[in-house]
């Protein structure tokens, strides 16, 4: 063979090997190893960016959020001199827009705080958190299921917001047993028949109906942009609801809160758990003689109770989860940075419990924080038991996919008048089901 040809082939081989080595090294740097035992480089300056939604609910003010983040960051940076953490608070519309755009571009904050309870399930862009944490041992099971996708646990659950019945424990019997064991429809009916008063239902945004349908595994929106609130499997639950309504076990009353506070209603369902908190605050005002209006001087002994179940031995309760979502950038920052992000998420969760869970009905989902929470929570012992049971056996009451949130809200707007008509009239369930099929 011609020497020039041999030299040319050798040169090409050398170049090819060189390119392959460079490609392999570069590719290896991009591989998302997610090693839980990765060590920080003390010579490297790390940065963690967080996006949070401003004033996400009535219990969390912007002022409080700034206070929490400043303390979290200050305390964390004291432990890591080469780490800088920054946070951005955004209005809901801006937050949603930036998350959707960031998902498409694969360019987002390192951590997203999701108050909607909709972990952004995207296997390409999220951490396999089960590599770092023992969820089965340390977290309430329902919360772990909530943030689990096909590729593993994809968000870090912090707080759970369960759906509860707010009851006057002085008007119902065996509330301790109900909180501990739950109740079937028969026990539920007998309890309210004994009280000789019906439970008022507030079905705003369909929370009551959705909480009941959760038992047959409701999921938010389907591909044709309709609520998955109708199938043959759901008919039994609709009939159970209608049976309770027809027998005046549950019903609608426009004066629901007034009647509850006047001891004229044993329980309320479908309203947020703020009714429980407002009742406690009202009792304090009565103790201080701050409420003197006629007919408003009754102190109420509020308690949270679980929803009735078709299969009490396999309870399914509706809930949402506040989660922290670690996000992997297009330009991978290394497994040491990934480990640092997970460490920060765990670190901040305790602050969220201290600031947001103690004076609300939000439940810490990390069982290691329960002793501290129980000692300081506003919840009474029965309500505490109900809250834990609900989250342990909880299922999503809303979509878990961020892209579906806006669509789901639009559909619920169409469904709301149908729900209102059903509850405020004496009409049967057929019209409700027909409306759900058509509009939902």
Protein backbone atom coordinates (compact mmCIF):
# COMPACT_ATOMS: atom_id res chain seq x y z
CA UNK A 1 0.00 0.00 0.00
CA UNK A 2 1.24 3.50 -0.80
CA UNK A 3 2.96 5.05 2.22
CA UNK A 4 1.02 8.29 1.75
CA UNK A 5 -2.24 6.35 1.89
CA UNK A 6 -1.09 4.54 5.05
CA UNK A 7 -0.11 7.83 6.69
CA UNK A 8 -3.45 9.34 5.69
CA UNK A 9 -5.35 6.41 7.20
CA UNK A 10 -3.30 6.61 10.40
CA UNK A 11 -3.92 10.35 10.67
CA UNK A 12 -7.65 9.85 10.16
CA UNK A 13 -7.68 7.13 12.82
CA UNK A 14 -5.84 9.36 15.29
CA UNK A 15 -8.22 12.25 14.59
CA UNK A 16 -11.20 9.93 14.91
CA UNK A 17 -9.98 8.57 18.22
CA UNK A 18 -9.33 12.10 19.47
CA UNK A 19 -12.78 13.29 18.50
CA UNK A 20 -14.32 10.22 20.12
CA UNK A 21 -12.44 10.86 23.37
CA UNK A 22 -13.53 14.50 23.42
CA UNK A 23 -17.11 13.51 22.65
CA UNK A 24 -17.06 10.82 25.34
CA UNK A 25 -15.66 13.18 27.98
CA UNK A 26 -18.16 15.88 27.06
CA UNK A 27 -21.04 13.45 27.00
CA UNK A 28 -19.98 12.00 30.34
CA UNK A 29 -20.08 15.49 31.82
CA UNK A 30 -23.69 15.82 30.61
CA UNK A 31 -24.82 12.45 31.97
CA UNK A 32 -27.26 13.03 34.80
CA UNK A 33 -25.84 10.59 37.29
CA UNK A 34 -27.70 11.87 40.36
CA UNK A 35 -25.27 10.32 42.80
CA UNK A 36 -26.61 10.69 46.39
CA UNK A 37 -23.06 10.47 47.76
CA UNK A 38 -21.69 13.22 45.49
CA UNK A 39 -19.41 15.63 47.33
CA UNK A 40 -19.30 19.39 46.90
CA UNK A 41 -16.27 21.02 45.34
CA UNK A 42 -15.10 23.52 47.95
CA UNK A 43 -13.41 25.58 45.24
CA UNK A 44 -16.60 25.90 43.20
CA UNK A 45 -19.22 28.62 43.67
CA UNK A 46 -22.71 27.10 43.58
CA UNK A 47 -25.99 28.88 42.91
CA UNK A 48 -29.54 27.66 43.53
CA UNK A 49 -32.49 29.54 42.03
CA UNK A 50 -36.04 29.17 43.37
CA UNK A 51 -39.36 30.25 41.86
CA UNK A 52 -42.33 30.67 44.17
CA UNK A 53 -45.90 31.90 43.71
CA UNK A 54 -46.81 35.01 45.69
CA UNK A 55 -49.75 34.85 48.13
CA UNK A 56 -50.83 31.33 47.01
CA UNK A 57 -53.72 31.08 49.50
CA UNK A 58 -55.46 32.96 52.27
CA UNK A 59 -53.06 31.67 54.93
CA UNK A 60 -49.82 32.64 53.20
CA UNK A 61 -49.13 36.34 52.77
CA UNK A 62 -46.40 37.87 50.65
CA UNK A 63 -44.87 39.38 53.77
CA UNK A 64 -44.70 35.95 55.39
CA UNK A 65 -43.16 34.41 52.27
CA UNK A 66 -40.35 36.96 52.20
CA UNK A 67 -39.74 36.33 55.89
CA UNK A 68 -39.58 32.56 55.38
CA UNK A 69 -37.29 32.68 52.38
CA UNK A 70 -34.91 35.16 53.95
CA UNK A 71 -34.54 33.01 57.04
CA UNK A 72 -34.19 29.76 55.08
CA UNK A 73 -31.55 31.22 52.80
CA UNK A 74 -29.66 32.97 55.58
CA UNK A 75 -29.45 29.79 57.67
CA UNK A 76 -28.56 27.58 54.70
CA UNK A 77 -25.81 29.86 53.42
CA UNK A 78 -24.25 29.87 56.89
CA UNK A 79 -23.65 26.16 56.45
CA UNK A 80 -22.26 26.49 52.91
CA UNK A 81 -19.94 29.44 52.35
CA UNK A 82 -19.66 28.72 48.62
CA UNK A 83 -23.42 28.53 48.00
CA UNK A 84 -25.75 31.37 47.00
CA UNK A 85 -29.53 30.91 46.98
CA UNK A 86 -31.90 33.36 45.31
CA UNK A 87 -35.69 33.31 45.13
CA UNK A 88 -38.28 35.02 42.95
CA UNK A 89 -41.92 35.54 43.96
CA UNK A 90 -44.32 35.80 41.02
CA UNK A 91 -48.02 36.40 40.55
CA UNK A 92 -49.90 33.26 39.52
CA UNK A 93 -50.29 34.27 35.88
CA UNK A 94 -46.60 35.12 35.52
CA UNK A 95 -45.60 32.00 37.40
CA UNK A 96 -47.69 29.76 35.13
CA UNK A 97 -46.41 31.43 31.98
CA UNK A 98 -42.76 31.15 32.97
CA UNK A 99 -43.10 27.53 34.02
CA UNK A 100 -44.75 26.53 30.75
CA UNK A 101 -42.17 28.42 28.72
CA UNK A 102 -39.33 27.07 30.84
CA UNK A 103 -40.54 23.51 30.36
CA UNK A 104 -40.48 23.89 26.58
CA UNK A 105 -37.04 25.49 26.57
CA UNK A 106 -35.68 23.23 29.30
CA UNK A 107 -34.60 26.35 31.13
CA UNK A 108 -36.12 26.94 34.51
CA UNK A 109 -35.27 27.61 38.14
CA UNK A 110 -33.51 24.82 40.01
CA UNK A 111 -36.53 24.50 42.32
CA UNK A 112 -40.18 25.36 41.74
CA UNK A 113 -42.57 25.66 44.69
CA UNK A 114 -45.92 24.37 43.52
CA UNK A 115 -48.91 25.40 45.65
CA UNK A 116 -51.43 24.05 43.17
CA UNK A 117 -50.64 20.54 44.30
CA UNK A 118 -49.66 19.59 40.76
CA UNK A 119 -46.14 18.17 40.63
CA UNK A 120 -44.78 18.94 37.19
CA UNK A 121 -44.35 15.38 35.98
CA UNK A 122 -41.73 15.50 33.24
CA UNK A 123 -39.33 12.58 33.36
CA UNK A 124 -36.72 14.30 31.18
CA UNK A 125 -36.39 17.33 33.41
CA UNK A 126 -36.89 16.16 36.96
CA UNK A 127 -34.85 14.40 39.60
CA UNK A 128 -35.42 10.75 40.51
CA UNK A 129 -35.74 11.73 44.16
CA UNK A 130 -36.13 8.17 45.40
CA UNK A 131 -32.38 7.81 44.79
CA UNK A 132 -31.76 10.35 47.53
CA UNK A 133 -34.57 9.77 50.03
CA UNK A 134 -36.43 6.93 51.72
CA UNK A 135 -40.00 7.93 50.91
CA UNK A 136 -41.58 4.65 51.98
CA UNK A 137 -40.17 4.95 55.48
CA UNK A 138 -40.25 8.71 56.10
CA UNK A 139 -43.28 10.11 54.23
CA UNK A 140 -47.04 9.61 54.39
CA UNK A 141 -47.96 7.13 51.66
CA UNK A 142 -50.64 9.24 49.96
CA UNK A 143 -48.30 12.17 49.54
CA UNK A 144 -45.62 9.94 48.01
CA UNK A 145 -48.11 8.45 45.55
CA UNK A 146 -49.19 11.96 44.67
CA UNK A 147 -45.76 13.00 43.45
CA UNK A 148 -44.80 9.72 41.79
CA UNK A 149 -44.65 9.37 38.02
CA UNK A 150 -43.68 6.49 35.77
CA UNK A 151 -40.01 7.29 36.23
CA UNK A 152 -40.12 7.54 40.03
CA UNK A 153 -40.72 10.23 42.64
CA UNK A 154 -40.49 13.50 40.74
CA UNK A 155 -41.32 16.13 43.36
CA UNK A 156 -40.60 16.60 47.04
CA UNK A 157 -43.91 16.70 48.96
CA UNK A 158 -43.92 19.20 51.82
CA UNK A 159 -47.47 19.96 52.93
CA UNK A 160 -50.79 18.27 52.17
CA UNK A 161 -54.14 20.03 52.02
CA UNK A 162 -56.83 17.43 52.62
CA UNK A 163 -60.55 17.65 52.03
CA UNK A 164 -62.47 17.33 55.29
CA UNK A 165 -65.92 17.61 56.80
CA UNK A 166 -65.98 20.40 59.39
CA UNK A 167 -68.33 19.28 62.17
CA UNK A 168 -69.67 20.44 65.53
CA UNK A 169 -68.56 17.62 67.77
CA UNK A 170 -71.27 18.47 70.31
CA UNK A 171 -73.96 17.50 67.77
CA UNK A 172 -72.47 14.24 66.49
CA UNK A 173 -71.64 11.01 68.28
CA UNK A 174 -68.49 8.88 68.19
CA UNK A 175 -66.32 11.45 66.42
CA UNK A 176 -63.18 9.88 67.91
CA UNK A 177 -64.09 6.53 66.39
CA UNK A 178 -64.96 8.10 63.03
CA UNK A 179 -61.62 9.91 62.88
CA UNK A 180 -59.74 6.72 63.70
CA UNK A 181 -61.70 4.19 61.63
CA UNK A 182 -63.59 6.26 59.07
CA UNK A 183 -67.22 5.55 58.23
CA UNK A 184 -69.26 3.95 55.49
CA UNK A 185 -72.40 5.46 54.02
CA UNK A 186 -74.61 3.51 56.44
CA UNK A 187 -72.81 4.81 59.52
CA UNK A 188 -72.68 8.29 58.03
CA UNK A 189 -76.43 8.31 57.38
CA UNK A 190 -77.29 6.96 60.83
CA UNK A 191 -75.11 9.58 62.51
CA UNK A 192 -76.85 12.51 60.83
CA UNK A 193 -80.28 10.96 61.25
CA UNK A 194 -79.53 10.75 64.99
CA UNK A 195 -78.56 14.42 64.97
CA UNK A 196 -81.90 15.21 63.27
CA UNK A 197 -80.10 17.79 61.14
CA UNK A 198 -78.57 17.51 57.69
CA UNK A 199 -74.99 18.30 56.72
CA UNK A 200 -74.73 21.37 54.51
CA UNK A 201 -72.86 20.97 51.25
CA UNK A 202 -70.95 23.80 49.60
CA UNK A 203 -69.92 22.54 46.17
CA UNK A 204 -67.89 25.56 45.04
CA UNK A 205 -65.56 24.51 42.21
CA UNK A 206 -66.95 21.04 42.68
CA UNK A 207 -64.82 20.21 45.70
CA UNK A 208 -67.52 18.18 47.43
CA UNK A 209 -68.45 16.17 44.35
CA UNK A 210 -64.81 15.69 43.39
CA UNK A 211 -63.98 14.55 46.94
CA UNK A 212 -66.66 11.88 46.67
CA UNK A 213 -65.66 10.86 43.15
CA UNK A 214 -62.04 10.50 44.25
CA UNK A 215 -63.12 7.15 45.68
CA UNK A 216 -63.53 5.85 42.14
CA UNK A 217 -60.17 7.28 41.09
CA UNK A 218 -61.08 10.60 39.53
CA UNK A 219 -58.45 12.19 37.28
CA UNK A 220 -58.51 15.80 36.19
CA UNK A 221 -58.94 16.39 32.47
CA UNK A 222 -59.07 14.02 29.55
CA UNK A 223 -57.53 14.44 26.12
CA UNK A 224 -60.75 15.95 24.78
CA UNK A 225 -60.52 18.68 27.45
CA UNK A 226 -63.35 17.33 29.57
CA UNK A 227 -63.41 16.55 33.26
CA UNK A 228 -63.15 12.85 33.89
CA UNK A 229 -66.25 13.00 36.06
CA UNK A 230 -68.39 10.57 34.15
CA UNK A 231 -68.15 6.90 33.35
CA UNK A 232 -70.13 3.85 34.38
CA UNK A 233 -67.89 3.52 37.41
CA UNK A 234 -68.96 6.95 38.64
CA UNK A 235 -72.72 6.35 38.39
CA UNK A 236 -72.78 4.43 41.67
CA UNK A 237 -71.22 7.36 43.49
CA UNK A 238 -73.60 9.89 41.94
CA UNK A 239 -76.49 7.69 43.09
CA UNK A 240 -75.02 7.51 46.60
CA UNK A 241 -74.80 11.31 46.69
CA UNK A 242 -78.36 11.66 45.43
CA UNK A 243 -79.62 9.13 47.96
CA UNK A 244 -78.09 11.17 50.78
CA UNK A 245 -79.68 14.31 49.37
CA UNK A 246 -83.11 12.72 48.89
CA UNK A 247 -83.07 11.41 52.46
CA UNK A 248 -82.08 14.85 53.76
CA UNK A 249 -78.80 13.62 55.18
CA UNK A 250 -77.02 16.29 53.16
CA UNK A 251 -78.34 19.44 51.49
CA UNK A 252 -77.76 23.06 50.55
CA UNK A 253 -78.56 26.14 52.64
CA UNK A 254 -77.51 29.68 51.67
CA UNK A 255 -77.06 30.50 55.37
CA UNK A 256 -74.76 27.55 55.92
CA UNK A 257 -72.08 29.32 57.96
CA UNK A 258 -74.53 31.31 60.07
CA UNK A 259 -76.52 28.18 60.84
CA UNK A 260 -73.35 26.26 61.69
CA UNK A 261 -72.27 28.95 64.13
CA UNK A 262 -75.78 29.06 65.62
CA UNK A 263 -75.69 25.29 66.30
CA UNK A 264 -78.36 24.69 63.66
CA UNK A 265 -76.17 22.47 61.47
CA UNK A 266 -73.98 19.58 62.65
CA UNK A 267 -71.45 19.79 59.82
CA UNK A 268 -70.33 21.45 56.59
CA UNK A 269 -68.63 19.78 53.62
CA UNK A 270 -67.12 21.21 50.46
CA UNK A 271 -66.00 24.44 52.09
CA UNK A 272 -62.31 24.81 52.72
CA UNK A 273 -60.90 23.93 56.13
CA UNK A 274 -60.78 27.68 56.84
CA UNK A 275 -64.22 27.15 58.44
CA UNK A 276 -62.47 25.18 61.19
CA UNK A 277 -59.89 27.91 61.71
CA UNK A 278 -62.43 30.74 61.57
CA UNK A 279 -64.57 28.95 64.15
CA UNK A 280 -61.63 28.68 66.53
CA UNK A 281 -60.87 32.39 66.09
CA UNK A 282 -64.55 33.20 66.61
CA UNK A 283 -64.53 31.26 69.88
CA UNK A 284 -61.58 33.34 71.05
CA UNK A 285 -63.46 36.54 70.22
CA UNK A 286 -66.46 35.28 72.18
CA UNK A 287 -64.20 34.61 75.16
CA UNK A 288 -62.97 38.20 74.93
CA UNK A 289 -66.52 39.60 74.56
CA UNK A 290 -65.71 40.92 71.10
CA UNK A 291 -68.90 39.45 69.60
CA UNK A 292 -72.16 40.60 71.13
CA UNK A 293 -74.67 40.41 68.27
CA UNK A 294 -77.93 38.64 69.17
CA UNK A 295 -77.95 34.97 68.27
CA UNK A 296 -74.19 34.86 67.68
CA UNK A 297 -72.99 33.96 71.16
CA UNK A 298 -72.81 30.18 70.77
CA UNK A 299 -69.32 28.74 71.04
CA UNK A 300 -68.81 25.88 68.60
CA UNK A 301 -66.59 22.88 69.26
CA UNK A 302 -65.23 22.26 65.73
CA UNK A 303 -63.62 19.06 64.56
CA UNK A 304 -62.36 17.73 61.22
CA UNK A 305 -63.87 14.44 60.09
CA UNK A 306 -63.14 12.30 57.01
CA UNK A 307 -65.52 11.90 54.08
CA UNK A 308 -67.77 8.79 54.09
CA UNK A 309 -66.51 5.89 51.99
CA UNK A 310 -68.13 3.24 49.82
CA UNK A 311 -65.37 0.86 50.94
CA UNK A 312 -64.24 2.00 54.43
CA UNK A 313 -61.62 -0.76 54.53
CA UNK A 314 -59.95 0.82 51.47
CA UNK A 315 -60.44 4.56 52.03
CA UNK A 316 -59.65 7.12 49.35
CA UNK A 317 -59.72 10.78 50.25
CA UNK A 318 -59.27 13.87 48.12
CA UNK A 319 -56.29 16.14 48.70
CA UNK A 320 -53.71 18.41 47.15
CA UNK A 321 -50.00 18.55 47.92
CA UNK A 322 -47.66 21.53 48.12
CA UNK A 323 -44.39 20.34 46.66
CA UNK A 324 -40.90 21.47 45.76
CA UNK A 325 -39.92 20.39 42.26
CA UNK A 326 -36.20 20.09 41.53
CA UNK A 327 -35.60 20.82 37.87
CA UNK A 328 -32.66 19.64 35.77
CA UNK A 329 -31.42 22.30 33.37
CA UNK A 330 -30.52 21.74 29.73
CA UNK A 331 -26.93 22.50 30.68
CA UNK A 332 -26.49 19.95 33.44
CA UNK A 333 -24.70 21.43 36.44
CA UNK A 334 -23.32 18.17 37.77
CA UNK A 335 -24.32 15.57 40.32
CA UNK A 336 -22.74 17.63 43.11
CA UNK A 337 -25.13 20.49 42.30
CA UNK A 338 -28.04 18.03 42.14
CA UNK A 339 -27.18 16.69 45.60
CA UNK A 340 -27.00 20.26 46.91
CA UNK A 341 -30.46 21.05 45.50
CA UNK A 342 -31.94 18.02 47.25
CA UNK A 343 -30.22 19.01 50.50
CA UNK A 344 -31.72 22.49 50.24
CA UNK A 345 -35.22 21.15 49.57
CA UNK A 346 -35.03 19.00 52.70
CA UNK A 347 -33.64 21.91 54.69
CA UNK A 348 -36.41 24.34 53.71
CA UNK A 349 -39.26 21.88 54.36
CA UNK A 350 -38.93 22.28 58.12
CA UNK A 351 -39.35 26.05 57.81
CA UNK A 352 -42.47 25.58 55.70
CA UNK A 353 -43.93 23.46 58.48
CA UNK A 354 -43.06 25.99 61.19
CA UNK A 355 -44.46 28.97 59.32
CA UNK A 356 -47.30 27.56 57.25
CA UNK A 357 -48.61 24.41 58.96
CA UNK A 358 -48.85 25.32 62.64
CA UNK A 359 -51.74 27.79 62.36
CA UNK A 360 -53.51 26.15 59.42
CA UNK A 361 -54.88 22.72 58.50
CA UNK A 362 -51.93 21.93 56.23
CA UNK A 363 -50.30 18.61 57.10
CA UNK A 364 -46.52 17.99 57.03
CA UNK A 365 -46.01 14.86 54.95
CA UNK A 366 -42.58 14.06 56.41
CA UNK A 367 -43.40 11.82 59.38
CA UNK A 368 -40.18 12.86 61.10
CA UNK A 369 -41.72 16.31 61.63
CA UNK A 370 -45.00 15.08 63.13
CA UNK A 371 -44.01 15.11 66.79
CA UNK A 372 -43.00 18.76 66.59
CA UNK A 373 -46.08 19.60 64.51
CA UNK A 374 -48.54 17.82 66.81
CA UNK A 375 -47.13 19.63 69.82
CA UNK A 376 -47.68 23.04 68.22
CA UNK A 377 -50.54 22.66 65.73
CA UNK A 378 -53.88 24.42 66.10
CA UNK A 379 -55.62 21.09 65.39
CA UNK A 380 -57.27 19.18 68.23
CA UNK A 381 -56.42 15.49 68.70
CA UNK A 382 -59.41 14.17 66.74
CA UNK A 383 -58.78 16.58 63.85
CA UNK A 384 -55.10 15.62 63.91
CA UNK A 385 -56.06 11.94 63.53
CA UNK A 386 -58.42 12.78 60.66
CA UNK A 387 -55.78 14.84 58.89
CA UNK A 388 -53.15 12.11 59.09
CA UNK A 389 -55.59 9.43 57.94
CA UNK A 390 -56.75 11.56 55.01
CA UNK A 391 -53.24 12.24 53.74
CA UNK A 392 -52.06 8.67 54.31
CA UNK A 393 -54.93 7.48 52.09
CA UNK A 394 -55.11 10.55 49.87
CA UNK A 395 -55.49 10.78 46.11
CA UNK A 396 -55.31 13.81 43.79
CA UNK A 397 -58.49 15.86 43.70
CA UNK A 398 -57.07 18.01 40.92
CA UNK A 399 -54.72 17.47 38.02
CA UNK A 400 -51.11 16.55 38.74
CA UNK A 401 -49.97 17.90 35.39
CA UNK A 402 -49.15 21.59 35.31
CA UNK A 403 -50.26 22.06 31.71
CA UNK A 404 -53.80 20.96 32.64
CA UNK A 405 -54.42 23.50 35.40
CA UNK A 406 -55.81 26.30 33.26
CA UNK A 407 -57.90 23.93 31.14
CA UNK A 408 -59.33 22.30 34.23
CA UNK A 409 -60.31 25.69 35.67
CA UNK A 410 -62.13 26.60 32.44
CA UNK A 411 -64.11 23.37 32.45
CA UNK A 412 -65.01 23.80 36.13
CA UNK A 413 -66.45 27.22 35.32
CA UNK A 414 -68.86 25.54 32.90
CA UNK A 415 -69.70 22.81 35.38
CA UNK A 416 -70.36 25.14 38.34
CA UNK A 417 -73.87 26.28 37.25
CA UNK A 418 -74.84 22.63 36.78
CA UNK A 419 -73.71 21.79 40.30
CA UNK A 420 -75.46 24.87 41.73
CA UNK A 421 -78.73 23.94 40.06
CA UNK A 422 -78.55 20.41 41.40
CA UNK A 423 -77.91 21.43 45.00
CA UNK A 424 -80.32 24.35 45.07
CA UNK A 425 -83.25 22.49 43.50
CA UNK A 426 -85.22 19.36 44.20
CA UNK A 427 -84.23 17.88 40.85
CA UNK A 428 -82.81 14.39 40.63
CA UNK A 429 -79.37 13.17 39.71
CA UNK A 430 -80.18 12.51 36.06
CA UNK A 431 -79.94 16.17 35.08
CA UNK A 432 -76.62 16.55 36.89
CA UNK A 433 -75.15 13.51 35.14
CA UNK A 434 -76.43 14.74 31.79
CA UNK A 435 -74.86 18.14 32.37
CA UNK A 436 -71.54 16.61 33.42
CA UNK A 437 -71.50 14.49 30.26
CA UNK A 438 -72.28 17.46 28.05
CA UNK A 439 -70.25 20.29 29.57
CA UNK A 440 -67.70 18.48 31.70
